[in-house]
Amino acid sequence: MNTVELIKKKRDGKALSSEEISYLVENYTKKKIPDYQFSAFLMAAFLNGLNKRETSALTNSMLYSGKVLNLDDIHGYKIDKHSTGGVGDKTSLIIAPIVAAAGVNVPMISGRGLGHTGGTLDKLESIPGFRTNLSLKVYKKNLKKIGAVLIGQTKDIAPADKLIYSLRDVTATVESIPFITASIMSKKLAEGIDGLVLDVKTGSGAFMKKNSDASELANSLISTAKSFNKKVIAFITDMNQPLGKYIGNWFEVYESIKVLQGENVNDLLELSLNLSGAMLLLGKKVSTLKEGIELSKEMIKTGKAFDKFLQIAEHQNGNIFFLKNPGKYPRSKYSEKIFSGSSGYVKKIDTYKIGMAALELGAGRKTKEDKIDPKAGIIFHTALGEKLAKGKLVAELFSDNKNGIETAKQLINDAVLISKTKSRKAKLIKKIIH
């Protein structure tokens, strides 16, 4: 095949065959196609789009660029969850132990923080000693033994995705729904899963700001998963305010512990129960989502979910002393409280700015080389539609960096809009797509 002719074909708005897409991905991964040619293909595909068959073919090529795990020797269904990322989104830490405690296997390959959004791996690594860089052999061993394992992407899993994503990042082609679909699904399918629950975020703190874009992405992911005979349930959920009250790596582990020990953290608990309930439905432990939610509640109430969380941490070298005694965890050098300067109703929260405030405190990375401070973070005390009196506590900031606190303070003050007129509370789960 001729690379230039394939670029030209896509430039002219024509569909590529599965073999042509496979040729491009395979030869780019093997460094036989240079960056400048693959960049031209990415831009042509970005501008003209990929149809469902092309998206499936791209996913397949990226998936088989590395190892695809076979988990057939592990009894029972293997179900994972993927979130498109948000602020305070710690549901993986809650639902993995709930679902595993109920008897469904959870093989989870997660990511790191990206921009204003937190990453599951960074949260887990705030637990002293917790290892996310397990070999695939240990990954399978832990899954077989305790029913859940949470690791990062290894060099063997979808290596084409890593290469292509890096190129998309520097060629302004990140925001393509077919590319996002192929990137997510190639990694998830490589885990050896039977089914997947999707949490597609929409709003000021999400990558998909509009409901229509979130629905389009959810449908693209579902269509691609179905082409690989995988069962999927997708949730479109609100990210116009942080999820839960705690933002930052250890802070989010702490709030997850609270939920697993039975505390009702309204929105966080509601979403976690729905996601775990859907995973139990796909894993055939229940016959309806409602039954899945009830079984999830039971796992929390009986203490089985928290026990499973301790077991997961222990098997990945985590120090469970701090999980059992979270109050003993080291604290930041500096802290500051932010109070409301006026009275009224919380009309709008710019969740992106809240995420950026957490980054300024040290809870995220501005560059790849930056080290995360696991102690840094925010306790966000207000919510959309809430009535605020002047002088009421809005947020608490924690950091070892005094300058970071000043910048974060400004960002949070700018992020919260207070109005004299009563505003509606946001609906957390906007849509469920089976």
Protein backbone atom coordinates (compact mmCIF):
# COMPACT_ATOMS: atom_id res chain seq x y z
CA MET A 1 0.00 0.00 0.00
CA ASN A 2 1.03 3.59 -0.58
CA THR A 3 0.90 5.86 2.50
CA VAL A 4 0.57 9.07 0.46
CA GLU A 5 -2.37 7.62 -1.50
CA LEU A 6 -4.12 6.64 1.76
CA ILE A 7 -3.63 10.16 3.19
CA LYS A 8 -5.00 11.59 -0.07
CA LYS A 9 -8.01 9.22 0.04
CA LYS A 10 -8.93 10.34 3.58
CA ARG A 11 -8.18 13.99 2.71
CA ASP A 12 -10.76 13.71 -0.07
CA GLY A 13 -13.38 12.45 2.39
CA LYS A 14 -13.39 8.79 1.32
CA ALA A 15 -13.62 5.87 3.76
CA LEU A 16 -10.57 3.67 4.28
CA SER A 17 -10.85 -0.11 4.38
CA SER A 18 -10.01 -2.03 7.57
CA GLU A 19 -6.84 -3.31 5.85
CA GLU A 20 -5.76 0.23 4.95
CA ILE A 21 -6.23 1.46 8.53
CA SER A 22 -4.39 -1.59 9.85
CA TYR A 23 -1.50 -0.85 7.46
CA LEU A 24 -1.22 2.75 8.69
CA VAL A 25 -1.34 1.90 12.42
CA GLU A 26 0.95 -1.13 12.20
CA ASN A 27 3.61 0.65 10.15
CA TYR A 28 3.49 3.81 12.25
CA THR A 29 3.93 1.71 15.43
CA LYS A 30 6.93 -0.03 13.79
CA LYS A 31 8.37 3.42 12.85
CA LYS A 32 8.10 2.62 9.13
CA ILE A 33 5.76 5.60 8.66
CA PRO A 34 7.25 8.90 9.91
CA ASP A 35 5.47 11.32 12.27
CA TYR A 36 4.84 13.89 9.54
CA GLN A 37 2.88 11.41 7.38
CA PHE A 38 0.84 9.99 10.26
CA SER A 39 0.13 13.56 11.40
CA ALA A 40 -1.28 14.28 7.94
CA PHE A 41 -3.52 11.20 8.22
CA LEU A 42 -4.70 12.28 11.70
CA MET A 43 -5.63 15.77 10.49
CA ALA A 44 -7.41 14.39 7.40
CA ALA A 45 -9.39 11.97 9.60
CA PHE A 46 -10.03 14.72 12.17
CA LEU A 47 -11.51 17.04 9.55
CA ASN A 48 -13.46 14.43 7.54
CA GLY A 49 -14.33 12.02 10.36
CA LEU A 50 -14.31 8.23 10.54
CA ASN A 51 -17.46 6.15 10.14
CA LYS A 52 -18.45 3.36 12.58
CA ARG A 53 -16.63 0.67 10.61
CA GLU A 54 -13.45 2.78 10.34
CA THR A 55 -13.61 3.57 14.09
CA SER A 56 -13.95 -0.14 14.88
CA ALA A 57 -11.03 -0.94 12.53
CA LEU A 58 -8.85 1.74 14.16
CA THR A 59 -9.72 0.32 17.61
CA ASN A 60 -8.89 -3.20 16.43
CA SER A 61 -5.52 -2.15 14.98
CA MET A 62 -4.56 -0.31 18.17
CA LEU A 63 -5.81 -3.18 20.34
CA TYR A 64 -3.73 -5.82 18.54
CA SER A 65 -0.61 -3.63 18.46
CA GLY A 66 0.18 -5.26 21.83
CA LYS A 67 -0.96 -8.02 24.17
CA VAL A 68 -4.64 -8.83 24.56
CA LEU A 69 -5.16 -10.59 27.87
CA ASN A 70 -7.03 -13.87 28.00
CA LEU A 71 -8.77 -14.22 31.37
CA ASP A 72 -10.80 -17.34 30.47
CA ASP A 73 -9.09 -19.34 33.22
CA ILE A 74 -10.55 -16.95 35.83
CA HIS A 75 -14.04 -18.04 36.79
CA GLY A 76 -16.92 -15.57 36.37
CA TYR A 77 -17.56 -12.38 34.42
CA LYS A 78 -14.96 -9.62 34.14
CA ILE A 79 -16.49 -6.14 34.15
CA ASP A 80 -14.75 -2.75 34.18
CA LYS A 81 -15.80 0.90 34.36
CA HIS A 82 -14.41 3.86 32.44
CA SER A 83 -14.93 7.54 33.25
CA THR A 84 -14.05 10.33 30.83
CA GLY A 85 -12.66 12.30 33.79
CA GLY A 86 -13.74 15.06 36.10
CA VAL A 87 -13.03 16.91 39.35
CA GLY A 88 -13.42 14.87 42.53
CA ASP A 89 -14.31 11.78 40.49
CA LYS A 90 -13.15 8.98 42.78
CA THR A 91 -15.79 6.37 41.94
CA SER A 92 -13.27 3.71 40.80
CA LEU A 93 -11.93 3.49 44.37
CA ILE A 94 -15.47 2.83 45.64
CA ILE A 95 -17.03 0.63 42.98
CA ALA A 96 -14.12 -1.80 42.39
CA PRO A 97 -14.29 -3.14 45.99
CA ILE A 98 -18.13 -3.12 46.01
CA VAL A 99 -18.38 -5.14 42.80
CA ALA A 100 -15.55 -7.54 43.69
CA ALA A 101 -17.08 -8.12 47.15
CA ALA A 102 -20.35 -9.09 45.40
CA GLY A 103 -18.53 -11.71 43.30
CA VAL A 104 -17.88 -10.04 39.93
CA ASN A 105 -14.25 -9.71 38.76
CA VAL A 106 -12.96 -6.16 38.21
CA PRO A 107 -9.83 -5.93 36.01
CA MET A 108 -9.11 -2.20 35.93
CA ILE A 109 -6.39 -0.48 33.91
CA SER A 110 -6.53 3.19 34.87
CA GLY A 111 -4.85 6.47 33.98
CA ARG A 112 -3.08 9.41 35.59
CA GLY A 113 -4.29 12.95 36.08
CA LEU A 114 -4.69 14.93 32.86
CA GLY A 115 -4.85 18.73 33.09
CA HIS A 116 -7.54 19.78 35.58
CA THR A 117 -8.82 16.20 36.10
CA GLY A 118 -7.49 13.76 38.68
CA GLY A 119 -6.20 10.28 37.86
CA THR A 120 -7.06 7.01 39.61
CA LEU A 121 -3.40 5.88 39.66
CA ASP A 122 -2.26 9.09 41.40
CA LYS A 123 -5.01 8.66 44.00
CA LEU A 124 -4.06 5.05 44.69
CA GLU A 125 -0.37 5.94 44.91
CA SER A 126 -1.15 8.45 47.68
CA ILE A 127 -1.59 5.30 49.82
CA PRO A 128 2.01 4.72 51.00
CA GLY A 129 3.58 1.74 49.23
CA PHE A 130 0.65 1.13 46.85
CA ARG A 131 1.99 -0.26 43.55
CA THR A 132 0.16 0.34 40.29
CA ASN A 133 3.01 -0.89 38.05
CA LEU A 134 2.31 -4.61 38.46
CA SER A 135 3.38 -7.09 35.78
CA LEU A 136 0.60 -8.71 33.75
CA LYS A 137 1.41 -11.99 35.51
CA VAL A 138 0.78 -10.44 38.96
CA TYR A 139 -2.26 -8.59 37.55
CA LYS A 140 -3.85 -11.94 36.62
CA LYS A 141 -2.77 -13.57 39.90
CA ASN A 142 -4.37 -10.80 42.02
CA LEU A 143 -7.55 -10.85 39.94
CA LYS A 144 -7.87 -14.60 40.36
CA LYS A 145 -7.22 -14.45 44.10
CA ILE A 146 -9.24 -11.43 45.26
CA GLY A 147 -11.44 -10.46 42.31
CA ALA A 148 -10.08 -6.95 41.66
CA VAL A 149 -6.86 -5.29 40.56
CA LEU A 150 -6.09 -1.67 39.59
CA ILE A 151 -2.98 -0.95 37.52
CA GLY A 152 -1.63 1.49 34.94
CA GLN A 153 -1.17 0.88 31.23
CA THR A 154 1.91 -1.29 30.64
CA LYS A 155 4.17 -1.08 27.58
CA ASP A 156 2.57 -4.34 26.38
CA ILE A 157 -1.01 -2.96 26.40
CA ALA A 158 -2.04 -1.10 23.21
CA PRO A 159 1.39 0.50 22.53
CA ALA A 160 -0.02 2.13 19.36
CA ASP A 161 -2.40 4.13 21.57
CA LYS A 162 0.44 5.71 23.52
CA LEU A 163 2.30 6.69 20.35
CA ILE A 164 -0.78 8.00 18.55
CA TYR A 165 -2.03 9.92 21.61
CA SER A 166 1.33 11.72 21.95
CA LEU A 167 1.10 12.76 18.30
CA ARG A 168 -2.56 13.84 18.63
CA ASP A 169 -1.55 15.99 21.61
CA VAL A 170 0.87 18.07 19.50
CA THR A 171 -1.16 18.18 16.25
CA ALA A 172 -4.45 19.61 17.64
CA THR A 173 -6.35 16.38 16.90
CA VAL A 174 -7.25 15.31 20.46
CA GLU A 175 -10.96 16.26 20.34
CA SER A 176 -12.01 13.73 17.69
CA ILE A 177 -14.74 11.35 18.91
CA PRO A 178 -13.51 8.41 16.74
CA PHE A 179 -9.95 8.91 18.06
CA ILE A 180 -11.15 9.18 21.67
CA THR A 181 -13.27 6.05 21.15
CA ALA A 182 -10.38 4.02 19.72
CA SER A 183 -8.02 5.20 22.48
CA ILE A 184 -10.42 4.23 25.30
CA MET A 185 -11.69 0.98 23.82
CA SER A 186 -8.31 -0.39 22.68
CA LYS A 187 -7.04 -0.24 26.28
CA LYS A 188 -10.26 -1.54 27.84
CA LEU A 189 -10.64 -4.45 25.41
CA ALA A 190 -7.01 -5.44 26.02
CA GLU A 191 -7.87 -6.10 29.70
CA GLY A 192 -9.82 -9.21 28.78
CA ILE A 193 -13.22 -7.85 29.88
CA ASP A 194 -16.69 -9.22 29.13
CA GLY A 195 -18.49 -5.93 29.71
CA LEU A 196 -17.95 -2.25 30.39
CA VAL A 197 -19.84 0.48 32.23
CA LEU A 198 -19.19 3.99 30.89
CA ASP A 199 -19.43 7.26 32.82
CA VAL A 200 -19.36 10.03 30.22
CA LYS A 201 -19.12 13.42 31.92
CA THR A 202 -20.61 16.65 30.62
CA GLY A 203 -20.37 20.22 31.92
CA SER A 204 -17.82 22.84 32.97
CA GLY A 205 -15.43 20.31 34.54
CA ALA A 206 -15.64 17.74 31.73
CA PHE A 207 -13.83 17.37 28.40
CA MET A 208 -17.26 17.19 26.75
CA LYS A 209 -18.88 20.51 27.71
CA LYS A 210 -22.17 19.92 25.85
CA ASN A 211 -24.73 17.17 26.47
CA SER A 212 -24.94 16.50 22.72
CA ASP A 213 -21.16 15.83 22.50
CA ALA A 214 -21.28 13.54 25.55
CA SER A 215 -24.16 11.56 24.01
CA GLU A 216 -22.30 11.30 20.70
CA LEU A 217 -19.19 9.96 22.46
CA ALA A 218 -21.24 7.51 24.56
CA ASN A 219 -22.98 6.16 21.43
CA SER A 220 -19.66 5.85 19.60
CA LEU A 221 -18.15 3.89 22.51
CA ILE A 222 -21.22 1.64 22.72
CA SER A 223 -21.25 0.98 18.97
CA THR A 224 -17.53 0.07 19.00
CA ALA A 225 -17.88 -2.16 22.08
CA LYS A 226 -20.80 -3.99 20.43
CA SER A 227 -18.70 -4.60 17.32
CA PHE A 228 -16.37 -6.59 19.62
CA ASN A 229 -19.35 -8.44 21.21
CA LYS A 230 -18.96 -6.68 24.56
CA LYS A 231 -21.88 -5.70 26.78
CA VAL A 232 -22.10 -2.00 27.67
CA ILE A 233 -24.17 0.39 29.78
CA ALA A 234 -23.41 4.12 29.51
CA PHE A 235 -24.28 6.93 31.92
CA ILE A 236 -24.22 10.60 30.92
CA THR A 237 -23.45 12.41 34.19
CA ASP A 238 -23.14 16.00 35.34
CA MET A 239 -19.75 17.63 35.92
CA ASN A 240 -20.94 21.20 36.53
CA GLN A 241 -19.71 20.87 40.12
CA PRO A 242 -17.14 18.66 41.85
CA LEU A 243 -18.21 15.11 42.74
CA GLY A 244 -18.26 14.79 46.52
CA LYS A 245 -16.58 17.38 48.74
CA TYR A 246 -12.94 16.25 48.66
CA ILE A 247 -10.58 17.05 45.76
CA GLY A 248 -6.94 15.91 45.71
CA ASN A 249 -5.28 12.52 45.81
CA TRP A 250 -5.25 11.44 49.47
CA PHE A 251 -8.35 13.56 50.12
CA GLU A 252 -10.24 11.48 47.55
CA VAL A 253 -9.01 8.22 49.08
CA TYR A 254 -10.23 9.55 52.44
CA GLU A 255 -13.69 10.36 51.07
CA SER A 256 -13.85 6.94 49.39
CA ILE A 257 -13.13 5.33 52.77
CA LYS A 258 -16.00 7.35 54.28
CA VAL A 259 -18.41 6.09 51.60
CA LEU A 260 -17.21 2.48 51.91
CA GLN A 261 -17.75 2.73 55.68
CA GLY A 262 -21.38 3.77 55.19
CA GLU A 263 -21.34 7.58 55.17
CA ASN A 264 -23.90 9.15 52.84
CA VAL A 265 -21.94 11.54 50.65
CA ASN A 266 -25.00 12.44 48.53
CA ASP A 267 -23.93 12.76 44.88
CA LEU A 268 -20.84 10.58 45.20
CA LEU A 269 -22.79 7.74 46.81
CA GLU A 270 -25.63 8.02 44.27
CA LEU A 271 -23.30 7.79 41.28
CA SER A 272 -21.15 5.03 42.81
CA LEU A 273 -24.22 2.88 43.56
CA ASN A 274 -25.55 3.32 40.03
CA LEU A 275 -22.20 2.46 38.42
CA SER A 276 -21.58 -0.56 40.66
CA GLY A 277 -25.20 -1.65 40.20
CA ALA A 278 -24.73 -1.54 36.41
CA MET A 279 -21.50 -3.57 36.69
CA LEU A 280 -23.32 -6.20 38.76
CA LEU A 281 -26.07 -6.26 36.12
CA LEU A 282 -23.54 -6.87 33.32
CA GLY A 283 -21.84 -9.48 35.52
CA LYS A 284 -25.22 -11.29 35.84
CA LYS A 285 -25.30 -11.10 39.64
CA VAL A 286 -28.66 -9.30 39.38
CA SER A 287 -31.39 -8.97 36.77
CA THR A 288 -32.12 -5.21 37.07
CA LEU A 289 -30.18 -2.04 37.80
CA LYS A 290 -32.33 -1.47 40.90
CA GLU A 291 -31.32 -4.90 42.28
CA GLY A 292 -27.69 -4.04 41.53
CA ILE A 293 -27.99 -0.83 43.54
CA GLU A 294 -29.53 -2.73 46.47
CA LEU A 295 -26.79 -5.38 46.40
CA SER A 296 -24.17 -2.60 46.32
CA LYS A 297 -25.76 -1.01 49.40
CA GLU A 298 -25.63 -4.38 51.15
CA MET A 299 -21.89 -4.75 50.39
CA ILE A 300 -21.30 -1.39 52.11
CA LYS A 301 -23.65 -2.06 55.04
CA THR A 302 -22.09 -5.45 55.88
CA GLY A 303 -18.53 -4.05 55.70
CA LYS A 304 -17.60 -6.44 52.87
CA ALA A 305 -16.81 -3.60 50.45
CA PHE A 306 -14.38 -1.86 52.82
CA ASP A 307 -12.75 -5.20 53.69
CA LYS A 308 -12.26 -5.81 49.95
CA PHE A 309 -10.69 -2.35 49.58
CA LEU A 310 -8.17 -3.24 52.31
CA GLN A 311 -7.50 -6.55 50.57
CA ILE A 312 -6.89 -4.87 47.19
CA ALA A 313 -4.49 -2.36 48.81
CA GLU A 314 -2.64 -5.07 50.75
CA HIS A 315 -2.15 -7.21 47.62
CA GLN A 316 -0.69 -4.17 45.83
CA ASN A 317 1.75 -3.41 48.65
CA GLY A 318 -0.30 -0.53 50.14
CA ASN A 319 0.06 0.39 53.82
CA ILE A 320 -3.43 -0.29 55.17
CA PHE A 321 -2.62 1.39 58.51
CA PHE A 322 -3.60 4.74 56.96
CA LEU A 323 -6.76 3.27 55.42
CA LYS A 324 -7.84 2.07 58.85
CA ASN A 325 -6.59 5.26 60.55
CA PRO A 326 -6.95 8.05 57.94
CA GLY A 327 -6.64 10.73 60.63
CA LYS A 328 -2.96 9.74 61.09
CA TYR A 329 -2.05 10.62 57.50
CA PRO A 330 0.51 13.48 57.20
CA ARG A 331 -1.03 16.95 56.80
CA SER A 332 -0.02 19.93 54.64
CA LYS A 333 2.10 22.75 56.08
CA TYR A 334 -0.41 25.42 55.13
CA SER A 335 -4.19 25.65 55.03
CA GLU A 336 -6.67 28.42 54.42
CA LYS A 337 -10.45 28.82 54.58
CA ILE A 338 -12.52 30.69 52.01
CA PHE A 339 -15.78 32.30 53.13
CA SER A 340 -18.67 33.68 51.08
CA GLY A 341 -18.41 37.44 50.51
CA SER A 342 -22.16 37.81 49.96
CA SER A 343 -25.44 36.03 50.61
CA GLY A 344 -27.61 34.34 47.98
CA TYR A 345 -27.87 31.11 46.01
CA VAL A 346 -25.06 29.25 44.26
CA LYS A 347 -26.02 29.75 40.61
CA LYS A 348 -22.90 28.47 38.84
CA ILE A 349 -19.66 26.66 39.65
CA ASP A 350 -16.84 26.70 37.11
CA THR A 351 -15.58 23.19 37.89
CA TYR A 352 -12.63 23.57 35.52
CA LYS A 353 -11.31 26.40 37.73
CA ILE A 354 -11.78 24.24 40.85
CA GLY A 355 -9.68 21.53 39.18
CA MET A 356 -7.03 24.10 38.24
CA ALA A 357 -7.01 25.37 41.84
CA ALA A 358 -6.24 21.82 43.04
CA LEU A 359 -3.42 21.67 40.48
CA GLU A 360 -1.96 24.96 41.82
CA LEU A 361 -1.95 23.46 45.32
CA GLY A 362 0.19 20.55 44.08
CA ALA A 363 -2.53 17.91 43.53
CA GLY A 364 -1.85 17.71 39.78
CA ARG A 365 0.90 18.20 37.20
CA LYS A 366 1.58 21.23 35.02
CA THR A 367 4.33 19.33 33.19
CA LYS A 368 5.15 15.61 32.87
CA GLU A 369 8.11 16.09 35.20
CA ASP A 370 6.12 17.63 38.08
CA LYS A 371 5.81 15.62 41.28
CA ILE A 372 2.36 15.38 42.84
CA ASP A 373 1.90 16.24 46.50
CA PRO A 374 -0.52 13.53 47.72
CA LYS A 375 -1.57 15.65 50.77
CA ALA A 376 -2.59 18.72 48.73
CA GLY A 377 -6.21 19.41 47.97
CA ILE A 378 -9.51 21.12 48.59
CA ILE A 379 -12.55 20.46 50.76
CA PHE A 380 -15.38 22.11 48.81
CA HIS A 381 -18.30 22.83 51.11
CA THR A 382 -20.97 24.20 48.78
CA ALA A 383 -23.11 22.95 45.87
CA LEU A 384 -25.28 24.23 43.05
CA GLY A 385 -28.64 25.61 44.23
CA GLU A 386 -27.50 25.88 47.86
CA LYS A 387 -28.40 28.96 49.88
CA LEU A 388 -25.32 30.74 51.25
CA ALA A 389 -25.23 33.27 54.04
CA LYS A 390 -22.51 35.93 53.98
CA GLY A 391 -19.46 34.60 55.82
CA LYS A 392 -20.38 30.93 55.31
CA LEU A 393 -17.50 28.50 54.65
CA VAL A 394 -17.14 27.78 50.92
CA ALA A 395 -13.85 25.84 50.74
CA GLU A 396 -10.70 24.83 52.62
CA LEU A 397 -7.34 24.70 50.86
CA PHE A 398 -4.34 22.55 51.83
CA SER A 399 -0.81 22.72 50.41
CA ASP A 400 2.90 22.80 51.23
CA ASN A 401 3.16 25.70 48.74
CA LYS A 402 2.10 29.07 50.18
CA ASN A 403 2.07 30.77 46.76
CA GLY A 404 -0.13 27.98 45.39
CA ILE A 405 -2.72 28.73 48.07
CA GLU A 406 -2.98 32.38 46.98
CA THR A 407 -3.49 31.43 43.31
CA ALA A 408 -5.98 28.68 44.22
CA LYS A 409 -7.92 31.10 46.43
CA GLN A 410 -8.38 33.49 43.52
CA LEU A 411 -9.48 30.68 41.18
CA ILE A 412 -12.11 29.42 43.64
CA ASN A 413 -13.47 32.92 44.29
CA ASP A 414 -13.80 33.37 40.51
CA ALA A 415 -15.38 29.92 40.09
CA VAL A 416 -18.40 30.35 42.38
CA LEU A 417 -21.20 32.63 41.15
CA ILE A 418 -23.79 33.70 43.73
CA SER A 419 -27.18 35.05 42.68
CA LYS A 420 -30.07 36.61 44.60
CA THR A 421 -32.55 34.45 42.71
CA LYS A 422 -33.08 30.81 43.65
CA SER A 423 -31.47 28.38 41.22
CA ARG A 424 -32.20 24.76 40.47
CA LYS A 425 -30.02 21.91 41.72
CA ALA A 426 -28.21 20.00 39.01
CA LYS A 427 -29.45 16.56 37.95
CA LEU A 428 -26.54 14.17 38.48
CA ILE A 429 -27.48 11.33 36.11
CA LYS A 430 -28.77 12.89 32.91
CA LYS A 431 -29.23 9.77 30.81
CA ILE A 432 -28.67 5.99 30.90
CA ILE A 433 -28.02 4.25 27.56
CA HIS A 434 -28.24 0.44 27.49
